[in-house]
Protein backbone atom coordinates (compact mmCIF):
# COMPACT_ATOMS: atom_id res chain seq x y z
CA MET A 1 24.68 -14.89 4.74
CA SER A 2 22.89 -16.66 2.43
CA LEU A 3 19.60 -16.05 0.89
CA LEU A 4 17.96 -19.58 2.19
CA LEU A 5 19.71 -19.08 5.51
CA VAL A 6 17.70 -15.46 5.79
CA ALA A 7 14.28 -17.12 3.99
CA ALA A 8 14.79 -19.37 7.47
CA ILE A 9 15.53 -17.35 9.87
CA LEU A 10 12.10 -15.35 8.26
CA TRP A 11 10.58 -18.54 8.69
CA VAL A 12 11.38 -19.04 12.00
CA PHE A 13 10.32 -15.66 12.63
CA ALA A 14 7.05 -15.27 11.11
CA ALA A 15 6.30 -19.11 12.86
CA SER A 16 6.33 -16.98 16.20
CA ALA A 17 4.27 -14.39 15.44
CA THR A 18 1.56 -16.64 14.04
CA ALA A 19 1.92 -18.12 17.06
CA PHE A 20 0.52 -15.63 18.61
CA LEU A 21 -2.97 -15.15 16.89
CA PRO A 22 -5.65 -16.11 18.27
CA MET A 23 -6.75 -20.10 16.90
CA ARG A 24 -9.30 -18.37 14.49
CA TRP A 25 -6.74 -16.72 13.06
CA GLN A 26 -4.35 -19.05 13.01
CA LEU A 27 -5.05 -21.37 9.57
CA VAL A 28 -3.98 -19.46 6.75
CA PRO A 29 -0.72 -18.37 7.93
CA GLY A 30 0.07 -21.94 9.75
CA LEU A 31 -0.67 -23.86 6.07
CA ALA A 32 1.31 -21.51 4.43
CA LEU A 33 4.26 -22.22 6.23
CA ILE A 34 3.86 -25.38 6.48
CA ALA A 35 4.17 -25.59 2.95
CA GLY A 36 7.45 -23.10 2.89
CA ALA A 37 8.60 -25.32 5.35
CA PHE A 38 8.80 -28.45 3.19
CA VAL A 39 10.75 -26.29 0.48
CA LEU A 40 13.21 -24.39 3.13
CA ILE A 41 14.14 -28.20 4.56
CA GLY A 42 14.66 -29.57 1.29
CA LEU A 43 17.01 -26.83 0.47
CA LEU A 44 18.87 -26.76 3.63
CA PHE A 45 19.44 -30.79 3.12
CA ALA A 46 20.86 -29.33 -0.22
CA GLU A 47 22.98 -26.47 -0.01
CA TYR A 48 23.77 -27.36 3.33
CA GLY A 49 23.94 -31.26 3.89
CA PRO A 50 22.35 -33.92 6.44
CA VAL A 51 23.22 -32.04 10.12
CA PRO A 52 21.14 -28.82 9.38
CA GLY A 53 18.53 -30.26 7.83
CA VAL A 54 17.85 -32.46 10.52
CA VAL A 55 18.34 -29.48 12.74
CA ALA A 56 15.86 -28.04 10.48
CA ILE A 57 13.32 -30.82 10.45
CA ALA A 58 14.10 -30.72 14.88
CA VAL A 59 12.85 -27.35 14.13
CA PHE A 60 9.85 -27.66 12.53
CA VAL A 61 8.38 -30.84 14.49
CA SER A 62 8.46 -28.34 17.41
CA PHE A 63 7.15 -25.69 16.11
CA PHE A 64 4.34 -27.80 14.82
CA ARG A 65 3.48 -30.48 16.90
CA ARG A 66 0.21 -29.89 18.22
CA PRO A 67 -1.23 -29.51 14.40
CA LEU A 68 1.29 -32.47 13.32
CA GLY A 69 -0.08 -34.75 15.88
CA HIS A 70 -3.70 -33.80 14.89
CA LEU A 71 -2.86 -34.39 11.32
CA ILE A 72 -1.41 -38.04 12.49
CA ARG A 73 -4.46 -39.16 14.21
CA LYS A 74 -6.80 -37.93 12.45
CA PHE A 75 -4.90 -40.01 9.22
CA THR A 76 -4.48 -43.10 11.02
CA GLY A 77 -8.18 -43.20 12.43
CA LYS A 78 -6.88 -43.03 15.91
CA THR A 79 -8.36 -41.04 18.81
CA ARG A 80 -6.78 -39.26 21.68
CA ALA A 81 -6.35 -41.26 24.58
């Protein structure tokens, strides 16, 4: 198994562990995981092609759907209905 796949698997475990933390402790590890996800997804696209890359994007969006939704609403100026 390549080092990239091991890093991606460790990212999933770290994101799952971060989800168990209280909300006030999730900010710093969550931001680090988001930053690391962009690098990992880009490397997965480059190394293994579009199918694993799209799967990695789906996993990322699944893990961070609420923070990403909050950021989209904040940047577009829309409020929750």
